Amino acid sequence: QAQFVESGGGLVQPGGSLGLSCVASGFSFDHTAIGWFRQVPGKLREGVACIKKTDGSTDVLPSAKGRFIISSDNAKKTVYLQMNNLKPEDTAVYYCSVLIPPGRYWGQGTQVTVYL
C-alpha cells in the first residue's frame, strides 16, 4: 500500500521560502505520477503541482507558476516542492498523493502558514 511522509512545513512571512519533502513507499516510485495538493478548512482540496515519473514532465497550478518548483529523487523515493515568494493565500495543509487505481493515497499533510 502506498504511503507518504511529508515534512518541511512551517511559519514564514510573505515573500519567504519553504521546501517540502515527501518520502514515498509501497509502490513503484519510478513509474508513477505524484502530486502535491493543498487544503484550507472549508474549501476543496486543490492540486498544486504534479510530476510524471515516466517522462519527468511537471505541471504547476497557474497561481503558483514561477514560484513553486516540483522535483523528485528516484534513489531517495522523495518528491520535493520548493515554494518561493510565498503569499498569505498559500497558507494551507499540503499533502503528497498518488493515484493507483482503484484508489488515491494521501500522506498525513504538513502545515504551511504565511503570516503578515
Protein backbone atom coordinates (compact mmCIF):
# COMPACT_ATOMS: atom_id res chain seq x y z
CA GLN A 1 0.00 0.00 0.00
CA ALA A 2 1.29 3.46 -0.93
CA GLN A 3 2.42 5.58 1.99
CA PHE A 4 3.90 9.05 2.29
CA VAL A 5 5.65 11.04 4.96
CA GLU A 6 5.63 14.78 4.36
CA SER A 7 7.84 17.29 6.11
CA GLY A 8 9.14 20.82 5.78
CA GLY A 9 6.10 22.90 6.60
CA GLY A 10 6.21 25.83 8.98
CA LEU A 11 5.70 29.53 9.51
CA VAL A 12 7.06 32.07 7.06
CA GLN A 13 6.49 35.71 6.22
CA PRO A 14 5.22 36.82 2.81
CA GLY A 15 8.00 36.68 0.25
CA GLY A 16 9.74 33.89 2.11
CA SER A 17 10.51 30.33 1.00
CA LEU A 18 9.87 26.82 2.25
CA GLY A 19 10.87 23.43 0.91
CA LEU A 20 8.56 20.46 1.40
CA SER A 21 9.66 16.83 1.17
CA CYS A 22 7.59 13.70 0.66
CA VAL A 23 9.15 10.28 1.18
CA ALA A 24 7.18 7.56 -0.60
CA SER A 25 6.95 3.82 -0.12
CA GLY A 26 4.77 0.87 -1.07
CA PHE A 27 4.51 1.43 -4.83
CA SER A 28 6.59 1.72 -7.98
CA PHE A 29 8.01 5.21 -7.46
CA ASP A 30 9.88 5.34 -10.77
CA HIS A 31 6.81 4.96 -12.97
CA THR A 32 4.03 6.84 -11.25
CA ALA A 33 2.79 10.43 -11.36
CA ILE A 34 2.94 12.04 -7.92
CA GLY A 35 1.32 15.27 -6.91
CA TRP A 36 1.22 17.90 -4.20
CA PHE A 37 -2.19 19.12 -3.09
CA ARG A 38 -3.30 21.65 -0.51
CA GLN A 39 -6.40 22.30 1.52
CA VAL A 40 -7.75 25.17 3.57
CA PRO A 41 -10.51 24.46 6.12
CA GLY A 42 -13.90 24.79 4.49
CA LYS A 43 -12.54 24.59 0.96
CA LEU A 44 -11.96 21.80 -1.52
CA ARG A 45 -8.52 20.24 -1.76
CA GLU A 46 -6.72 21.57 -4.86
CA GLY A 47 -3.84 20.27 -6.91
CA VAL A 48 -0.71 22.39 -6.64
CA ALA A 49 1.90 20.55 -8.67
CA CYS A 50 2.45 17.19 -10.31
CA ILE A 51 5.44 15.32 -11.68
CA LYS A 52 5.09 12.49 -14.18
CA LYS A 53 7.83 9.97 -13.48
CA THR A 54 7.59 8.37 -16.92
CA ASP A 55 8.98 11.43 -18.70
CA GLY A 56 9.85 13.84 -15.89
CA SER A 57 7.34 16.44 -17.06
CA THR A 58 5.78 18.72 -14.47
CA ASP A 59 2.67 20.80 -14.09
CA VAL A 60 2.04 23.63 -11.63
CA LEU A 61 -1.08 25.47 -10.53
CA PRO A 62 -1.29 28.73 -12.54
CA SER A 63 -1.22 30.90 -9.39
CA ALA A 64 1.98 29.13 -8.33
CA LYS A 65 3.84 29.16 -11.64
CA GLY A 66 7.16 30.93 -11.39
CA ARG A 67 7.11 30.47 -7.59
CA PHE A 68 6.75 26.71 -6.92
CA ILE A 69 9.02 24.00 -8.30
CA ILE A 70 8.32 20.27 -8.06
CA SER A 71 11.14 17.75 -8.39
CA SER A 72 12.00 14.22 -7.37
CA ASP A 73 14.87 11.93 -6.45
CA ASN A 74 14.27 8.35 -7.52
CA ALA A 75 17.09 6.97 -5.40
CA LYS A 76 15.57 8.53 -2.28
CA LYS A 77 11.96 7.91 -3.39
CA THR A 78 11.29 11.51 -2.47
CA VAL A 79 9.29 14.27 -4.12
CA TYR A 80 10.05 17.88 -3.29
CA LEU A 81 8.09 21.11 -3.53
CA GLN A 82 10.19 24.26 -3.38
CA MET A 83 7.96 27.22 -2.65
CA ASN A 84 9.32 30.73 -3.18
CA ASN A 85 7.81 34.18 -2.83
CA LEU A 86 5.09 32.76 -0.61
CA LYS A 87 1.84 34.66 -0.19
CA PRO A 88 -0.77 34.57 2.60
CA GLU A 89 -3.14 32.75 0.23
CA ASP A 90 -0.64 29.86 0.07
CA THR A 91 -1.49 29.07 3.70
CA ALA A 92 -2.86 25.51 3.80
CA VAL A 93 -2.12 21.94 4.73
CA TYR A 94 -0.03 20.43 1.94
CA TYR A 95 -0.40 16.76 1.02
CA CYS A 96 1.51 14.35 -1.15
CA SER A 97 -0.63 11.98 -3.20
CA VAL A 98 -0.62 9.27 -5.83
CA LEU A 99 -3.41 7.73 -7.88
CA ILE A 100 -3.14 3.95 -8.05
CA PRO A 101 -6.44 2.56 -9.34
CA PRO A 102 -8.82 1.95 -7.84
CA GLY A 103 -7.81 4.39 -5.11
CA ARG A 104 -5.90 7.59 -4.34
CA TYR A 105 -3.45 7.58 -1.49
CA TRP A 106 -2.56 10.55 0.72
CA GLY A 107 0.08 11.48 3.22
CA GLN A 108 -0.74 12.99 6.61
CA GLY A 109 -0.04 16.53 5.42
CA THR A 110 2.21 19.32 6.58
CA GLN A 111 1.02 22.79 7.60
CA VAL A 112 2.30 25.85 5.76
CA THR A 113 1.39 29.22 7.26
CA VAL A 114 2.29 32.50 5.59
CA TYR A 115 1.62 35.31 8.05
CA LEU A 116 1.88 39.06 7.98
